């Protein structure tokens, strides 16, 4: 690995990361807030605590999933010096935190969080299932057709080595370590 990546991995940049970290957190929080605001009733999200109290157990994976996603947003700003938004992407390859286990932890965290919310508040219906399937298809296509080619072009051999050692969607049990 190059010295650039070792510095990226350790997050040593002399303290110039705070502006990017704050910007990344602002973009991430705005994105999360937008999704919560856009929760349409036709997706079946309604509060009905008495209907099936056991459903509240799904709050645990929901909170954990959203926590993973927010930590990834933090890593984009602190380590990558950018945001999750394609208009202001990280300038350094982010290979810390959950990114050492799986290449797309932010998406996995968001999906886990939403599935948890759906179990707690949702009602199964065809429209909701179609929207969920379309969202997953969109994310997978976006990763394959835009994110990965852009990362290969931007970070070259460093990203290729990362891809050889960390799976796209299925997390490893042990973190990848720089050699």
Protein backbone atom coordinates (compact mmCIF):
# COMPACT_ATOMS: atom_id res chain seq x y z
CA UNK A 1 0.00 0.00 0.00
CA UNK A 2 1.13 3.52 -0.59
CA UNK A 3 1.88 5.99 2.15
CA UNK A 4 -1.26 7.86 1.13
CA UNK A 5 -3.36 4.86 2.08
CA UNK A 6 -1.61 4.19 5.33
CA UNK A 7 -2.35 7.79 6.32
CA UNK A 8 -5.93 7.33 5.15
CA UNK A 9 -6.28 4.14 7.13
CA UNK A 10 -4.97 5.72 10.31
CA UNK A 11 -6.74 9.02 9.74
CA UNK A 12 -3.60 11.07 10.33
CA UNK A 13 -3.98 14.35 8.54
CA UNK A 14 -2.89 16.94 11.08
CA UNK A 15 -6.43 17.91 12.12
CA UNK A 16 -7.59 19.34 8.80
CA UNK A 17 -10.49 16.90 8.72
CA UNK A 18 -13.04 18.72 10.87
CA UNK A 19 -14.68 20.79 8.14
CA UNK A 20 -15.12 17.71 5.94
CA UNK A 21 -16.41 15.73 8.92
CA UNK A 22 -19.01 18.36 9.80
CA UNK A 23 -20.06 18.67 6.13
CA UNK A 24 -20.34 14.89 5.85
CA UNK A 25 -22.46 14.65 8.99
CA UNK A 26 -24.70 17.49 7.77
CA UNK A 27 -25.26 15.77 4.42
CA UNK A 28 -25.85 12.41 6.13
CA UNK A 29 -28.32 13.82 8.67
CA UNK A 30 -30.16 15.74 5.95
CA UNK A 31 -30.41 12.53 3.92
CA UNK A 32 -31.77 10.56 6.89
CA UNK A 33 -34.20 13.34 7.80
CA UNK A 34 -35.46 13.47 4.22
CA UNK A 35 -36.17 9.74 4.23
CA UNK A 36 -38.03 9.91 7.53
CA UNK A 37 -40.03 12.87 6.28
CA UNK A 38 -40.89 11.04 3.07
CA UNK A 39 -42.31 7.98 4.86
CA UNK A 40 -45.54 7.76 2.90
CA UNK A 41 -48.58 6.10 4.40
CA UNK A 42 -48.99 3.93 1.28
CA UNK A 43 -45.84 2.04 2.35
CA UNK A 44 -47.82 0.92 5.37
CA UNK A 45 -45.87 2.70 8.13
CA UNK A 46 -48.34 3.31 10.97
CA UNK A 47 -47.94 3.30 14.71
CA UNK A 48 -50.16 0.63 16.24
CA UNK A 49 -48.36 -0.54 19.37
CA UNK A 50 -51.17 -2.80 20.58
CA UNK A 51 -51.46 -4.85 17.39
CA UNK A 52 -48.35 -6.98 17.86
CA UNK A 53 -46.13 -5.98 20.77
CA UNK A 54 -43.44 -8.52 19.76
CA UNK A 55 -42.71 -6.37 16.71
CA UNK A 56 -40.91 -3.85 18.90
CA UNK A 57 -37.95 -6.23 19.14
CA UNK A 58 -37.11 -5.07 15.59
CA UNK A 59 -36.16 -1.69 17.05
CA UNK A 60 -32.80 -3.26 17.97
CA UNK A 61 -31.61 -4.09 14.42
CA UNK A 62 -33.17 -0.84 13.21
CA UNK A 63 -31.16 1.27 15.65
CA UNK A 64 -28.01 -0.76 15.01
CA UNK A 65 -28.43 -0.44 11.23
CA UNK A 66 -28.90 3.32 11.33
CA UNK A 67 -25.97 3.61 13.76
CA UNK A 68 -23.73 1.75 11.30
CA UNK A 69 -24.85 4.09 8.51
CA UNK A 70 -24.17 7.20 10.60
CA UNK A 71 -20.74 5.90 11.58
CA UNK A 72 -19.99 5.43 7.89
CA UNK A 73 -21.04 9.02 7.23
CA UNK A 74 -18.63 10.07 9.99
CA UNK A 75 -15.82 8.03 8.40
CA UNK A 76 -16.44 9.68 5.03
CA UNK A 77 -15.83 13.08 6.58
CA UNK A 78 -13.11 12.30 9.12
CA UNK A 79 -11.03 9.84 7.11
CA UNK A 80 -12.09 10.44 3.52
CA UNK A 81 -12.37 14.24 3.72
CA UNK A 82 -15.64 14.25 1.81
CA UNK A 83 -19.33 13.44 2.04
CA UNK A 84 -21.55 10.55 0.91
CA UNK A 85 -22.95 12.83 -1.80
CA UNK A 86 -21.46 12.21 -5.28
CA UNK A 87 -21.03 15.98 -5.75
CA UNK A 88 -18.52 16.12 -2.85
CA UNK A 89 -17.04 12.63 -2.57
CA UNK A 90 -14.18 11.62 -0.28
CA UNK A 91 -10.72 12.53 -1.54
CA UNK A 92 -9.11 9.62 0.30
CA UNK A 93 -10.05 5.96 0.17
CA UNK A 94 -12.09 5.08 3.26
CA UNK A 95 -10.95 1.71 4.66
CA UNK A 96 -11.65 2.18 8.37
CA UNK A 97 -14.39 1.12 10.75
CA UNK A 98 -17.09 -1.00 9.16
CA UNK A 99 -15.43 -0.61 5.77
CA UNK A 100 -12.82 -3.11 6.96
CA UNK A 101 -15.56 -5.80 7.09
CA UNK A 102 -17.64 -5.06 3.99
CA UNK A 103 -17.36 -2.58 1.09
CA UNK A 104 -20.89 -1.16 1.39
CA UNK A 105 -21.70 -0.92 5.11
CA UNK A 106 -23.63 2.34 4.74
CA UNK A 107 -26.14 0.75 2.38
CA UNK A 108 -26.37 -2.40 4.49
CA UNK A 109 -26.95 -0.30 7.61
CA UNK A 110 -29.68 1.72 5.92
CA UNK A 111 -31.42 -1.37 4.59
CA UNK A 112 -31.21 -3.08 8.00
CA UNK A 113 -32.58 0.04 9.67
CA UNK A 114 -35.50 0.31 7.25
CA UNK A 115 -36.35 -3.39 7.48
CA UNK A 116 -36.42 -3.03 11.25
CA UNK A 117 -38.75 -0.03 11.00
CA UNK A 118 -40.93 -1.89 8.56
CA UNK A 119 -41.29 -4.81 10.98
CA UNK A 120 -42.24 -2.42 13.79
CA UNK A 121 -44.55 -0.07 11.90
CA UNK A 122 -45.21 -1.62 8.52
CA UNK A 123 -47.98 -3.54 6.92
CA UNK A 124 -47.16 -5.88 4.10
CA UNK A 125 -48.63 -4.84 0.79
CA UNK A 126 -47.70 -5.25 -2.84
CA UNK A 127 -46.79 -1.61 -3.40
CA UNK A 128 -44.41 -1.57 -0.44
CA UNK A 129 -42.71 -4.75 -1.63
CA UNK A 130 -42.31 -3.35 -5.15
CA UNK A 131 -40.85 -0.10 -3.81
CA UNK A 132 -38.43 -2.02 -1.55
CA UNK A 133 -37.32 -4.28 -4.41
CA UNK A 134 -36.87 -1.26 -6.71
CA UNK A 135 -34.78 0.49 -4.06
CA UNK A 136 -32.50 -2.53 -3.61
CA UNK A 137 -32.16 -2.89 -7.40
CA UNK A 138 -31.32 0.82 -7.67
CA UNK A 139 -28.66 0.61 -4.94
CA UNK A 140 -27.01 -2.48 -6.43
CA UNK A 141 -27.02 -0.90 -9.92
CA UNK A 142 -25.66 2.39 -8.58
CA UNK A 143 -22.80 0.57 -6.85
CA UNK A 144 -21.93 -1.54 -9.91
CA UNK A 145 -22.39 1.09 -12.60
CA UNK A 146 -21.23 4.29 -10.88
CA UNK A 147 -19.52 3.89 -7.51
CA UNK A 148 -17.13 1.05 -8.23
CA UNK A 149 -15.92 2.36 -11.62
CA UNK A 150 -15.47 5.84 -10.09
CA UNK A 151 -13.49 4.45 -7.15
CA UNK A 152 -11.31 2.35 -9.48
CA UNK A 153 -10.58 5.42 -11.58
CA UNK A 154 -9.90 7.63 -8.55
CA UNK A 155 -7.89 5.28 -6.33
CA UNK A 156 -6.52 2.71 -8.83
CA UNK A 157 -4.43 -0.11 -7.38
CA UNK A 158 -5.30 0.82 -3.80
CA UNK A 159 -9.00 0.24 -4.47
CA UNK A 160 -8.27 -2.96 -6.40
CA UNK A 161 -6.37 -4.37 -3.41
CA UNK A 162 -9.25 -3.37 -1.14
CA UNK A 163 -11.73 -5.14 -3.45
CA UNK A 164 -9.62 -8.31 -3.43
CA UNK A 165 -9.71 -8.40 0.37
CA UNK A 166 -13.17 -7.10 1.31
CA UNK A 167 -16.46 -8.43 -0.08
CA UNK A 168 -19.08 -6.14 -1.57
CA UNK A 169 -22.23 -7.19 0.34
CA UNK A 170 -21.43 -10.02 2.78
CA UNK A 171 -19.38 -8.90 5.79
CA UNK A 172 -16.32 -10.80 6.96
CA UNK A 173 -16.23 -11.92 10.58
CA UNK A 174 -12.77 -10.44 11.04
CA UNK A 175 -11.63 -7.01 9.81
CA UNK A 176 -9.29 -6.65 6.88
CA UNK A 177 -5.92 -5.36 7.98
CA UNK A 178 -3.33 -3.52 5.95
CA UNK A 179 -0.21 -5.54 5.40
